[in-house]
Structures are given as structure tokens and as C-alpha cells.
PDB file of N, CA and C in Angstrom:
ATOM      1  N   MET A   1      -4.824  -4.221  16.182  1.00  0.00           N
ATOM      2  CA  MET A   1      -5.176  -3.333  17.264  1.00  0.00           C
ATOM      3  C   MET A   1      -5.182  -1.884  16.775  1.00  0.00           C
ATOM      4  N   PHE A   2      -4.174  -1.562  15.983  1.00  0.00           N
ATOM      5  CA  PHE A   2      -4.056  -0.198  15.465  1.00  0.00           C
ATOM      6  C   PHE A   2      -5.253   0.152  14.586  1.00  0.00           C
ATOM      7  N   SER A   3      -5.588  -0.726  13.665  1.00  0.00           N
ATOM      8  CA  SER A   3      -6.741  -0.497  12.783  1.00  0.00           C
ATOM      9  C   SER A   3      -8.038  -0.431  13.584  1.00  0.00           C
ATOM     10  N   SER A   4      -8.146  -1.285  14.567  1.00  0.00           N
ATOM     11  CA  SER A   4      -9.345  -1.284  15.413  1.00  0.00           C
ATOM     12  C   SER A   4      -9.478   0.029  16.173  1.00  0.00           C
ATOM     13  N   ALA A   5      -8.368   0.568  16.632  1.00  0.00           N
ATOM     14  CA  ALA A   5      -8.399   1.843  17.354  1.00  0.00           C
ATOM     15  C   ALA A   5      -8.907   2.960  16.453  1.00  0.00           C
ATOM     16  N   PHE A   6      -8.438   2.984  15.204  1.00  0.00           N
ATOM     17  CA  PHE A   6      -8.900   4.026  14.293  1.00  0.00           C
ATOM     18  C   PHE A   6     -10.331   3.785  13.834  1.00  0.00           C
ATOM     19  N   LEU A   7     -10.737   2.553  13.775  1.00  0.00           N
ATOM     20  CA  LEU A   7     -12.134   2.247  13.476  1.00  0.00           C
ATOM     21  C   LEU A   7     -13.029   2.766  14.602  1.00  0.00           C
ATOM     22  N   LEU A   8     -12.562   2.628  15.827  1.00  0.00           N
ATOM     23  CA  LEU A   8     -13.300   3.164  16.967  1.00  0.00           C
ATOM     24  C   LEU A   8     -13.415   4.679  16.879  1.00  0.00           C
ATOM     25  N   VAL A   9     -12.333   5.341  16.481  1.00  0.00           N
ATOM     26  CA  VAL A   9     -12.370   6.800  16.291  1.00  0.00           C
ATOM     27  C   VAL A   9     -13.409   7.159  15.234  1.00  0.00           C
ATOM     28  N   ALA A  10     -13.458   6.406  14.141  1.00  0.00           N
ATOM     29  CA  ALA A  10     -14.438   6.662  13.084  1.00  0.00           C
ATOM     30  C   ALA A  10     -15.863   6.477  13.593  1.00  0.00           C
ATOM     31  N   VAL A  11     -16.082   5.463  14.412  1.00  0.00           N
ATOM     32  CA  VAL A  11     -17.424   5.228  14.972  1.00  0.00           C
ATOM     33  C   VAL A  11     -17.820   6.377  15.898  1.00  0.00           C
ATOM     34  N   VAL A  12     -16.889   6.824  16.726  1.00  0.00           N
ATOM     35  CA  VAL A  12     -17.169   7.949  17.626  1.00  0.00           C
ATOM     36  C   VAL A  12     -17.463   9.207  16.817  1.00  0.00           C
ATOM     37  N   LEU A  13     -16.670   9.468  15.792  1.00  0.00           N
ATOM     38  CA  LEU A  13     -16.923  10.622  14.926  1.00  0.00           C
ATOM     39  C   LEU A  13     -18.288  10.515  14.253  1.00  0.00           C
ATOM     40  N   ASN A  14     -18.645   9.324  13.820  1.00  0.00           N
ATOM     41  CA  ASN A  14     -19.945   9.125  13.179  1.00  0.00           C
ATOM     42  C   ASN A  14     -21.081   9.412  14.156  1.00  0.00           C
ATOM     43  N   TYR A  15     -20.861   9.130  15.417  1.00  0.00           N
ATOM     44  CA  TYR A  15     -21.872   9.413  16.436  1.00  0.00           C
ATOM     45  C   TYR A  15     -21.951  10.917  16.727  1.00  0.00           C
ATOM     46  N   LEU A  16     -20.775  11.578  16.813  1.00  0.00           N
ATOM     47  CA  LEU A  16     -20.736  12.988  17.177  1.00  0.00           C
ATOM     48  C   LEU A  16     -21.101  13.933  16.029  1.00  0.00           C
ATOM     49  N   VAL A  17     -20.576  13.670  14.849  1.00  0.00           N
ATOM     50  CA  VAL A  17     -20.808  14.545  13.691  1.00  0.00           C
ATOM     51  C   VAL A  17     -21.120  13.710  12.454  1.00  0.00           C
ATOM     52  N   PRO A  18     -22.263  13.045  12.419  1.00  0.00           N
ATOM     53  CA  PRO A  18     -22.553  12.126  11.310  1.00  0.00           C
ATOM     54  C   PRO A  18     -22.588  12.803   9.935  1.00  0.00           C
ATOM     55  N   GLU A  19     -22.946  14.072   9.902  1.00  0.00           N
ATOM     56  CA  GLU A  19     -23.042  14.747   8.608  1.00  0.00           C
ATOM     57  C   GLU A  19     -21.675  15.148   8.039  1.00  0.00           C
ATOM     58  N   LYS A  20     -20.623  15.140   8.876  1.00  0.00           N
ATOM     59  CA  LYS A  20     -19.308  15.590   8.415  1.00  0.00           C
ATOM     60  C   LYS A  20     -18.232  14.504   8.471  1.00  0.00           C
ATOM     61  N   VAL A  21     -18.546  13.352   9.011  1.00  0.00           N
ATOM     62  CA  VAL A  21     -17.519  12.333   9.223  1.00  0.00           C
ATOM     63  C   VAL A  21     -16.866  11.893   7.911  1.00  0.00           C
ATOM     64  N   PHE A  22     -17.641  11.782   6.840  1.00  0.00           N
ATOM     65  CA  PHE A  22     -17.056  11.369   5.560  1.00  0.00           C
ATOM     66  C   PHE A  22     -16.038  12.390   5.079  1.00  0.00           C
ATOM     67  N   LEU A  23     -16.354  13.673   5.198  1.00  0.00           N
ATOM     68  CA  LEU A  23     -15.411  14.716   4.784  1.00  0.00           C
ATOM     69  C   LEU A  23     -14.148  14.691   5.631  1.00  0.00           C
ATOM     70  N   TYR A  24     -14.297  14.462   6.931  1.00  0.00           N
ATOM     71  CA  TYR A  24     -13.122  14.404   7.798  1.00  0.00           C
ATOM     72  C   TYR A  24     -12.209  13.250   7.408  1.00  0.00           C
ATOM     73  N   ILE A  25     -12.780  12.094   7.215  1.00  0.00           N
ATOM     74  CA  ILE A  25     -11.976  10.916   6.887  1.00  0.00           C
ATOM     75  C   ILE A  25     -11.363  11.039   5.494  1.00  0.00           C
ATOM     76  N   SER A  26     -12.131  11.548   4.545  1.00  0.00           N
ATOM     77  CA  SER A  26     -11.581  11.699   3.198  1.00  0.00           C
ATOM     78  C   SER A  26     -10.505  12.787   3.149  1.00  0.00           C
ATOM     79  N   SER A  27     -10.625  13.820   3.979  1.00  0.00           N
ATOM     80  CA  SER A  27      -9.586  14.851   3.988  1.00  0.00           C
ATOM     81  C   SER A  27      -8.287  14.316   4.587  1.00  0.00           C
ATOM     82  N   VAL A  28      -8.388  13.471   5.599  1.00  0.00           N
ATOM     83  CA  VAL A  28      -7.192  12.843   6.165  1.00  0.00           C
ATOM     84  C   VAL A  28      -6.550  11.921   5.120  1.00  0.00           C
ATOM     85  N   ALA A  29      -7.367  11.200   4.379  1.00  0.00           N
ATOM     86  CA  ALA A  29      -6.842  10.341   3.314  1.00  0.00           C
ATOM     87  C   ALA A  29      -6.178  11.177   2.218  1.00  0.00           C
ATOM     88  N   THR A  30      -6.744  12.341   1.931  1.00  0.00           N
ATOM     89  CA  THR A  30      -6.160  13.231   0.930  1.00  0.00           C
ATOM     90  C   THR A  30      -4.771  13.693   1.357  1.00  0.00           C
ATOM     91  N   VAL A  31      -4.627  14.058   2.612  1.00  0.00           N
ATOM     92  CA  VAL A  31      -3.308  14.462   3.116  1.00  0.00           C
ATOM     93  C   VAL A  31      -2.324  13.297   3.029  1.00  0.00           C
ATOM     94  N   ALA A  32      -2.793  12.095   3.300  1.00  0.00           N
ATOM     95  CA  ALA A  32      -1.917  10.921   3.193  1.00  0.00           C
ATOM     96  C   ALA A  32      -1.444  10.721   1.751  1.00  0.00           C
ATOM     97  N   VAL A  33      -2.347  10.903   0.805  1.00  0.00           N
ATOM     98  CA  VAL A  33      -1.979  10.765  -0.615  1.00  0.00           C
ATOM     99  C   VAL A  33      -1.007  11.866  -1.022  1.00  0.00           C
ATOM    100  N   ILE A  34      -1.268  13.090  -0.588  1.00  0.00           N
ATOM    101  CA  ILE A  34      -0.370  14.206  -0.905  1.00  0.00           C
ATOM    102  C   ILE A  34       1.019  13.942  -0.335  1.00  0.00           C
ATOM    103  N   THR A  35       1.072  13.457   0.893  1.00  0.00           N
ATOM    104  CA  THR A  35       2.356  13.151   1.520  1.00  0.00           C
ATOM    105  C   THR A  35       3.093  12.052   0.757  1.00  0.00           C
ATOM    106  N   SER A  36       2.381  10.999   0.400  1.00  0.00           N
ATOM    107  CA  SER A  36       3.009   9.893  -0.331  1.00  0.00           C
ATOM    108  C   SER A  36       3.574  10.354  -1.667  1.00  0.00           C
ATOM    109  N   TRP A  37       2.789  11.095  -2.427  1.00  0.00           N
ATOM    110  CA  TRP A  37       3.253  11.543  -3.737  1.00  0.00           C
ATOM    111  C   TRP A  37       4.366  12.571  -3.632  1.00  0.00           C
ATOM    112  N   THR A  38       4.334  13.387  -2.595  1.00  0.00           N
ATOM    113  CA  THR A  38       5.430  14.334  -2.386  1.00  0.00           C
ATOM    114  C   THR A  38       6.728  13.580  -2.126  1.00  0.00           C
ATOM    115  N   MET A  39       6.666  12.555  -1.290  1.00  0.00           N
ATOM    116  CA  MET A  39       7.865  11.753  -1.008  1.00  0.00           C
ATOM    117  C   MET A  39       8.363  11.044  -2.264  1.00  0.00           C
ATOM    118  N   ILE A  40       7.440  10.524  -3.059  1.00  0.00           N
ATOM    119  CA  ILE A  40       7.824   9.842  -4.304  1.00  0.00           C
ATOM    120  C   ILE A  40       8.528  10.810  -5.241  1.00  0.00           C
ATOM    121  N   LEU A  41       7.954  11.998  -5.415  1.00  0.00           N
ATOM    122  CA  LEU A  41       8.544  12.977  -6.325  1.00  0.00           C
ATOM    123  C   LEU A  41       9.895  13.478  -5.829  1.00  0.00           C
ATOM    124  N   LEU A  42      10.010  13.722  -4.535  1.00  0.00           N
ATOM    125  CA  LEU A  42      11.292  14.170  -3.993  1.00  0.00           C
ATOM    126  C   LEU A  42      12.358  13.087  -4.112  1.00  0.00           C
ATOM    127  N   ALA A  43      11.975  11.841  -3.872  1.00  0.00           N
ATOM    128  CA  ALA A  43      12.919  10.729  -4.015  1.00  0.00           C
ATOM    129  C   ALA A  43      13.365  10.583  -5.466  1.00  0.00           C
ATOM    130  N   GLN A  44      12.439  10.761  -6.389  1.00  0.00           N
ATOM    131  CA  GLN A  44      12.774  10.659  -7.808  1.00  0.00           C
ATOM    132  C   GLN A  44      13.733  11.776  -8.219  1.00  0.00           C
ATOM    133  N   LEU A  45      13.497  12.987  -7.731  1.00  0.00           N
ATOM    134  CA  LEU A  45      14.397  14.103  -8.038  1.00  0.00           C
ATOM    135  C   LEU A  45      15.796  13.840  -7.472  1.00  0.00           C
ATOM    136  N   LYS A  46      15.843  13.378  -6.234  1.00  0.00           N
ATOM    137  CA  LYS A  46      17.133  13.094  -5.596  1.00  0.00           C
ATOM    138  C   LYS A  46      17.855  11.946  -6.310  1.00  0.00           C
ATOM    139  N   PHE A  47      17.102  10.926  -6.704  1.00  0.00           N
ATOM    140  CA  PHE A  47      17.678   9.794  -7.421  1.00  0.00           C
ATOM    141  C   PHE A  47      18.332  10.253  -8.720  1.00  0.00           C
ATOM    142  N   ARG A  48      17.600  11.051  -9.490  1.00  0.00           N
ATOM    143  CA  ARG A  48      18.135  11.506 -10.770  1.00  0.00           C
ATOM    144  C   ARG A  48      19.343  12.418 -10.585  1.00  0.00           C
ATOM    145  N   GLN A  49      19.353  13.215  -9.521  1.00  0.00           N
ATOM    146  CA  GLN A  49      20.494  14.097  -9.268  1.00  0.00           C
ATOM    147  C   GLN A  49      21.737  13.317  -8.884  1.00  0.00           C
ATOM    148  N   SER A  50      21.552  12.130  -8.337  1.00  0.00           N
ATOM    149  CA  SER A  50      22.695  11.331  -7.891  1.00  0.00           C
ATOM    150  C   SER A  50      23.335  10.537  -9.037  1.00  0.00           C
ATOM    151  N   LYS A  51      22.705  10.522 -10.196  1.00  0.00           N
ATOM    152  CA  LYS A  51      23.192   9.733 -11.329  1.00  0.00           C
ATOM    153  C   LYS A  51      24.015  10.583 -12.294  1.00  0.00           C
ATOM    154  N   THR A  52      24.968   9.926 -12.941  1.00  0.00           N
ATOM    155  CA  THR A  52      25.740  10.595 -13.994  1.00  0.00           C
ATOM    156  C   THR A  52      24.922  10.579 -15.286  1.00  0.00           C
ATOM    157  N   LYS A  53      25.350  11.352 -16.264  1.00  0.00           N
ATOM    158  CA  LYS A  53      24.641  11.390 -17.554  1.00  0.00           C
ATOM    159  C   LYS A  53      24.623  10.012 -18.210  1.00  0.00           C
ATOM    160  N   GLU A  54      25.688   9.256 -18.066  1.00  0.00           N
ATOM    161  CA  GLU A  54      25.749   7.913 -18.653  1.00  0.00           C
ATOM    162  C   GLU A  54      24.748   6.977 -17.985  1.00  0.00           C
ATOM    163  N   GLU A  55      24.654   7.089 -16.673  1.00  0.00           N
ATOM    164  CA  GLU A  55      23.700   6.246 -15.937  1.00  0.00           C
ATOM    165  C   GLU A  55      22.258   6.626 -16.285  1.00  0.00           C
ATOM    166  N   ILE A  56      22.008   7.898 -16.467  1.00  0.00           N
ATOM    167  CA  ILE A  56      20.664   8.357 -16.836  1.00  0.00           C
ATOM    168  C   ILE A  56      20.278   7.841 -18.217  1.00  0.00           C
ATOM    169  N   GLU A  57      21.230   7.814 -19.131  1.00  0.00           N
ATOM    170  CA  GLU A  57      20.964   7.307 -20.482  1.00  0.00           C
ATOM    171  C   GLU A  57      20.575   5.827 -20.468  1.00  0.00           C
ATOM    172  N   LYS A  58      21.056   5.072 -19.498  1.00  0.00           N
ATOM    173  CA  LYS A  58      20.776   3.642 -19.412  1.00  0.00           C
ATOM    174  C   LYS A  58      19.445   3.332 -18.722  1.00  0.00           C
ATOM    175  N   LEU A  59      18.792   4.336 -18.151  1.00  0.00           N
ATOM    176  CA  LEU A  59      17.529   4.087 -17.448  1.00  0.00           C
ATOM    177  C   LEU A  59      16.483   3.532 -18.413  1.00  0.00           C
ATOM    178  N   ALA A  60      15.765   2.519 -17.971  1.00  0.00           N
ATOM    179  CA  ALA A  60      14.730   1.899 -18.803  1.00  0.00           C
ATOM    180  C   ALA A  60      13.529   2.834 -18.967  1.00  0.00           C
ATOM    181  N   PHE A  61      13.194   3.568 -17.923  1.00  0.00           N
ATOM    182  CA  PHE A  61      12.076   4.512 -18.001  1.00  0.00           C
ATOM    183  C   PHE A  61      12.594   5.898 -17.689  1.00  0.00           C
ATOM    184  N   LYS A  62      12.441   6.773 -18.632  1.00  0.00           N
ATOM    185  CA  LYS A  62      12.838   8.162 -18.440  1.00  0.00           C
ATOM    186  C   LYS A  62      11.578   8.989 -18.235  1.00  0.00           C
ATOM    187  N   MET A  63      11.509   9.666 -17.115  1.00  0.00           N
ATOM    188  CA  MET A  63      10.320  10.456 -16.802  1.00  0.00           C
ATOM    189  C   MET A  63      10.161  11.565 -17.836  1.00  0.00           C
ATOM    190  N   PRO A  64       8.977  11.640 -18.444  1.00  0.00           N
ATOM    191  CA  PRO A  64       8.751  12.676 -19.458  1.00  0.00           C
ATOM    192  C   PRO A  64       8.896  14.081 -18.869  1.00  0.00           C
ATOM    193  N   PHE A  65       9.580  14.919 -19.586  1.00  0.00           N
ATOM    194  CA  PHE A  65       9.759  16.334 -19.246  1.00  0.00           C
ATOM    195  C   PHE A  65      10.472  16.563 -17.911  1.00  0.00           C
ATOM    196  N   TYR A  66      11.320  15.602 -17.518  1.00  0.00           N
ATOM    197  CA  TYR A  66      12.088  15.758 -16.282  1.00  0.00           C
ATOM    198  C   TYR A  66      12.999  16.968 -16.413  1.00  0.00           C
ATOM    199  N   PRO A  67      13.180  17.791 -15.424  1.00  0.00           N
ATOM    200  CA  PRO A  67      12.618  17.817 -14.074  1.00  0.00           C
ATOM    201  C   PRO A  67      11.362  18.690 -13.964  1.00  0.00           C
ATOM    202  N   ILE A  68      10.986  19.323 -15.070  1.00  0.00           N
ATOM    203  CA  ILE A  68       9.831  20.234 -15.044  1.00  0.00           C
ATOM    204  C   ILE A  68       8.576  19.516 -14.547  1.00  0.00           C
ATOM    205  N   SER A  69       8.347  18.297 -15.032  1.00  0.00           N
ATOM    206  CA  SER A  69       7.132  17.576 -14.638  1.00  0.00           C
ATOM    207  C   SER A  69       7.101  17.300 -13.137  1.00  0.00           C
ATOM    208  N   SER A  70       8.245  17.006 -12.551  1.00  0.00           N
ATOM    209  CA  SER A  70       8.292  16.756 -11.104  1.00  0.00           C
ATOM    210  C   SER A  70       7.963  18.030 -10.330  1.00  0.00           C
ATOM    211  N   TYR A  71       8.524  19.141 -10.750  1.00  0.00           N
ATOM    212  CA  TYR A  71       8.261  20.410 -10.061  1.00  0.00           C
ATOM    213  C   TYR A  71       6.811  20.855 -10.250  1.00  0.00           C
ATOM    214  N   LEU A  72       6.252  20.624 -11.434  1.00  0.00           N
ATOM    215  CA  LEU A  72       4.836  20.956 -11.659  1.00  0.00           C
ATOM    216  C   LEU A  72       3.930  20.107 -10.766  1.00  0.00           C
ATOM    217  N   ALA A  73       4.252  18.832 -10.643  1.00  0.00           N
ATOM    218  CA  ALA A  73       3.457  17.950  -9.785  1.00  0.00           C
ATOM    219  C   ALA A  73       3.557  18.383  -8.326  1.00  0.00           C
ATOM    220  N   LEU A  74       4.755  18.756  -7.874  1.00  0.00           N
ATOM    221  CA  LEU A  74       4.920  19.244  -6.506  1.00  0.00           C
ATOM    222  C   LEU A  74       4.136  20.539  -6.283  1.00  0.00           C
ATOM    223  N   ALA A  75       4.148  21.423  -7.283  1.00  0.00           N
ATOM    224  CA  ALA A  75       3.388  22.674  -7.180  1.00  0.00           C
ATOM    225  C   ALA A  75       1.883  22.387  -7.104  1.00  0.00           C
ATOM    226  N   PHE A  76       1.421  21.421  -7.886  1.00  0.00           N
ATOM    227  CA  PHE A  76       0.008  21.053  -7.836  1.00  0.00           C
ATOM    228  C   PHE A  76      -0.370  20.512  -6.458  1.00  0.00           C
ATOM    229  N   LEU A  77       0.475  19.659  -5.893  1.00  0.00           N
ATOM    230  CA  LEU A  77       0.202  19.120  -4.565  1.00  0.00           C
ATOM    231  C   LEU A  77       0.189  20.233  -3.514  1.00  0.00           C
ATOM    232  N   ALA A  78       1.081  21.202  -3.661  1.00  0.00           N
ATOM    233  CA  ALA A  78       1.086  22.348  -2.742  1.00  0.00           C
ATOM    234  C   ALA A  78      -0.191  23.166  -2.901  1.00  0.00           C
ATOM    235  N   LEU A  79      -0.652  23.335  -4.135  1.00  0.00           N
ATOM    236  CA  LEU A  79      -1.891  24.064  -4.389  1.00  0.00           C
ATOM    237  C   LEU A  79      -3.082  23.368  -3.742  1.00  0.00           C
ATOM    238  N   VAL A  80      -3.147  22.066  -3.863  1.00  0.00           N
ATOM    239  CA  VAL A  80      -4.242  21.309  -3.231  1.00  0.00           C
ATOM    240  C   VAL A  80      -4.205  21.496  -1.718  1.00  0.00           C
ATOM    241  N   THR A  81      -3.009  21.480  -1.147  1.00  0.00           N
ATOM    242  CA  THR A  81      -2.875  21.674   0.300  1.00  0.00           C
ATOM    243  C   THR A  81      -3.354  23.067   0.707  1.00  0.00           C
ATOM    244  N   VAL A  82      -2.980  24.076  -0.057  1.00  0.00           N
ATOM    245  CA  VAL A  82      -3.423  25.446   0.238  1.00  0.00           C
ATOM    246  C   VAL A  82      -4.946  25.548   0.111  1.00  0.00           C
ATOM    247  N   LEU A  83      -5.511  24.946  -0.919  1.00  0.00           N
ATOM    248  CA  LEU A  83      -6.967  24.978  -1.089  1.00  0.00           C
ATOM    249  C   LEU A  83      -7.678  24.273   0.063  1.00  0.00           C
ATOM    250  N   MET A  84      -7.073  23.216   0.570  1.00  0.00           N
ATOM    251  CA  MET A  84      -7.661  22.514   1.717  1.00  0.00           C
ATOM    252  C   MET A  84      -7.745  23.430   2.932  1.00  0.00           C
ATOM    253  N   ALA A  85      -6.784  24.337   3.073  1.00  0.00           N
ATOM    254  CA  ALA A  85      -6.771  25.246   4.218  1.00  0.00           C
ATOM    255  C   ALA A  85      -7.961  26.204   4.187  1.00  0.00           C
ATOM    256  N   PHE A  86      -8.522  26.444   3.014  1.00  0.00           N
ATOM    257  CA  PHE A  86      -9.661  27.364   2.884  1.00  0.00           C
ATOM    258  C   PHE A  86     -11.006  26.663   3.038  1.00  0.00           C
ATOM    259  N   MET A  87     -10.984  25.339   3.151  1.00  0.00           N
ATOM    260  CA  MET A  87     -12.226  24.581   3.302  1.00  0.00           C
ATOM    261  C   MET A  87     -12.314  24.084   4.741  1.00  0.00           C
ATOM    262  N   ALA A  88     -13.295  24.555   5.480  1.00  0.00           N
ATOM    263  CA  ALA A  88     -13.395  24.264   6.915  1.00  0.00           C
ATOM    264  C   ALA A  88     -13.411  22.766   7.207  1.00  0.00           C
ATOM    265  N   GLU A  89     -14.126  21.994   6.395  1.00  0.00           N
ATOM    266  CA  GLU A  89     -14.231  20.551   6.647  1.00  0.00           C
ATOM    267  C   GLU A  89     -12.908  19.829   6.401  1.00  0.00           C
ATOM    268  N   MET A  90     -12.076  20.384   5.545  1.00  0.00           N
ATOM    269  CA  MET A  90     -10.817  19.719   5.220  1.00  0.00           C
ATOM    270  C   MET A  90      -9.652  20.257   6.047  1.00  0.00           C
ATOM    271  N   ARG A  91      -9.854  21.387   6.668  1.00  0.00           N
ATOM    272  CA  ARG A  91      -8.797  22.004   7.469  1.00  0.00           C
ATOM    273  C   ARG A  91      -8.365  21.103   8.627  1.00  0.00           C
ATOM    274  N   ILE A  92      -9.289  20.314   9.131  1.00  0.00           N
ATOM    275  CA  ILE A  92      -8.977  19.414  10.250  1.00  0.00           C
ATOM    276  C   ILE A  92      -7.824  18.476   9.901  1.00  0.00           C
ATOM    277  N   ALA A  93      -7.762  18.042   8.664  1.00  0.00           N
ATOM    278  CA  ALA A  93      -6.693  17.127   8.241  1.00  0.00           C
ATOM    279  C   ALA A  93      -5.335  17.819   8.293  1.00  0.00           C
ATOM    280  N   LEU A  94      -5.309  19.117   8.022  1.00  0.00           N
ATOM    281  CA  LEU A  94      -4.051  19.855   8.068  1.00  0.00           C
ATOM    282  C   LEU A  94      -3.581  20.069   9.501  1.00  0.00           C
ATOM    283  N   VAL A  95      -4.496  19.966  10.446  1.00  0.00           N
ATOM    284  CA  VAL A  95      -4.141  20.045  11.870  1.00  0.00           C
ATOM    285  C   VAL A  95      -3.697  18.666  12.368  1.00  0.00           C
ATOM    286  N   VAL A  96      -4.403  17.640  11.939  1.00  0.00           N
ATOM    287  CA  VAL A  96      -4.113  16.280  12.405  1.00  0.00           C
ATOM    288  C   VAL A  96      -2.809  15.747  11.799  1.00  0.00           C
ATOM    289  N   ALA A  97      -2.512  16.095  10.566  1.00  0.00           N
ATOM    290  CA  ALA A  97      -1.338  15.547   9.876  1.00  0.00           C
ATOM    291  C   ALA A  97      -0.025  15.800  10.618  1.00  0.00           C
ATOM    292  N   PRO A  98       0.278  17.037  11.029  1.00  0.00           N
ATOM    293  CA  PRO A  98       1.548  17.232  11.753  1.00  0.00           C
ATOM    294  C   PRO A  98       1.607  16.437  13.062  1.00  0.00           C
ATOM    295  N   ILE A  99       0.486  16.323  13.750  1.00  0.00           N
ATOM    296  CA  ILE A  99       0.450  15.531  14.978  1.00  0.00           C
ATOM    297  C   ILE A  99       0.766  14.074  14.655  1.00  0.00           C
ATOM    298  N   TRP A 100       0.172  13.576  13.575  1.00  0.00           N
ATOM    299  CA  TRP A 100       0.414  12.199  13.141  1.00  0.00           C
ATOM    300  C   TRP A 100       1.881  11.991  12.783  1.00  0.00           C
ATOM    301  N   PHE A 101       2.484  12.948  12.077  1.00  0.00           N
ATOM    302  CA  PHE A 101       3.888  12.825  11.697  1.00  0.00           C
ATOM    303  C   PHE A 101       4.800  12.829  12.923  1.00  0.00           C
ATOM    304  N   ILE A 102       4.452  13.612  13.926  1.00  0.00           N
ATOM    305  CA  ILE A 102       5.229  13.627  15.169  1.00  0.00           C
ATOM    306  C   ILE A 102       5.126  12.270  15.867  1.00  0.00           C
ATOM    307  N   ILE A 103       3.923  11.709  15.910  1.00  0.00           N
ATOM    308  CA  ILE A 103       3.741  10.381  16.516  1.00  0.00           C
ATOM    309  C   ILE A 103       4.558   9.331  15.755  1.00  0.00           C
ATOM    310  N   LEU A 104       4.529   9.385  14.434  1.00  0.00           N
ATOM    311  CA  LEU A 104       5.324   8.450  13.629  1.00  0.00           C
ATOM    312  C   LEU A 104       6.816   8.606  13.906  1.00  0.00           C
ATOM    313  N   TYR A 105       7.262   9.849  14.012  1.00  0.00           N
ATOM    314  CA  TYR A 105       8.680  10.114  14.266  1.00  0.00           C
ATOM    315  C   TYR A 105       9.099   9.573  15.630  1.00  0.00           C
ATOM    316  N   ILE A 106       8.272   9.803  16.638  1.00  0.00           N
ATOM    317  CA  ILE A 106       8.565   9.300  17.979  1.00  0.00           C
ATOM    318  C   ILE A 106       8.608   7.766  17.966  1.00  0.00           C
ATOM    319  N   GLY A 107       7.643   7.154  17.286  1.00  0.00           N
ATOM    320  CA  GLY A 107       7.640   5.693  17.163  1.00  0.00           C
ATOM    321  C   GLY A 107       8.874   5.183  16.448  1.00  0.00           C
ATOM    322  N   TYR A 108       9.295   5.878  15.402  1.00  0.00           N
ATOM    323  CA  TYR A 108      10.498   5.495  14.668  1.00  0.00           C
ATOM    324  C   TYR A 108      11.733   5.587  15.568  1.00  0.00           C
ATOM    325  N   GLN A 109      11.834   6.668  16.316  1.00  0.00           N
ATOM    326  CA  GLN A 109      12.973   6.841  17.209  1.00  0.00           C
ATOM    327  C   GLN A 109      13.007   5.757  18.288  1.00  0.00           C
ATOM    328  N   MET A 110      11.829   5.407  18.815  1.00  0.00           N
ATOM    329  CA  MET A 110      11.772   4.354  19.828  1.00  0.00           C
ATOM    330  C   MET A 110      12.172   3.007  19.225  1.00  0.00           C
ATOM    331  N   LYS A 111      11.714   2.728  18.037  1.00  0.00           N
ATOM    332  CA  LYS A 111      12.027   1.454  17.368  1.00  0.00           C
ATOM    333  C   LYS A 111      13.522   1.398  17.010  1.00  0.00           C
ATOM    334  N   LYS A 112      14.077   2.530  16.627  1.00  0.00           N
ATOM    335  CA  LYS A 112      15.477   2.591  16.244  1.00  0.00           C
ATOM    336  C   LYS A 112      16.397   2.280  17.429  1.00  0.00           C
ATOM    337  N   LYS A 113      15.968   2.624  18.642  1.00  0.00           N
ATOM    338  CA  LYS A 113      16.768   2.366  19.831  1.00  0.00           C
ATOM    339  C   LYS A 113      16.833   0.879  20.178  1.00  0.00           C
ATOM    340  N   ASP A 114      15.860   0.095  19.737  1.00  0.00           N
ATOM    341  CA  ASP A 114      15.816  -1.343  20.054  1.00  0.00           C
ATOM    342  C   ASP A 114      16.925  -2.099  19.400  1.00  0.00           C
TER     343      ASP A 114
END
């Protein structure tokens, strides 16, 4: 049902603004990717901070150039977000994303009460 609802939104957008619908959908997907990678990088930083030096030495995979590489990746993601704000077609995703996160948070809170 959820996927069908968003498919309906895509069809309506295609009817209303057929020349821009691809940019709108791809910009929303870009924000989703930025959010996912930001969470991954922050979790990795927090994980490494919670470990002792001995535990870090035992890790099977050591991230190259840690922690500089994590901070550089976060800076790059922030740069992409800022650049999106200057592109009119992609700016819509920066407006929709916070609304989406609020909806997710409300849904999480409702589910947590069950």
C-alpha cells in the first residue's frame, strides 16, 4: 500500500510536471542516499570511539585513514547538500526530507507505544 501510494504520487507528478518529474524523484533519492551514508559514517565514528586500543587492533577491517576519511566523507556529503540548495529542481528534496523525517519519527513513536 505504501509503495502504491508513492507510485500514485509519481504518476500525478508526471501528469503535472512531466519535464521535471525525473529530477524531483532523483533529488529525493539523492537525499535518501546522503542520509543513509551520513548515518553509516556517524555510527562508524561512534563505534570506533567506544572501543579500546586493544579492541581496535583486533578489528578485521580497519578503515583507511580513520578518522580523517570519515570526516572528509561527511564534509563531501554536506557539500552535496549545500549544492542541492542552489539548484531549483533539487531544492524540493531539501524541503520534503525534513517533513519525511518528521513523519518517520511520529510513526516510530506510535509503534514504540504498542
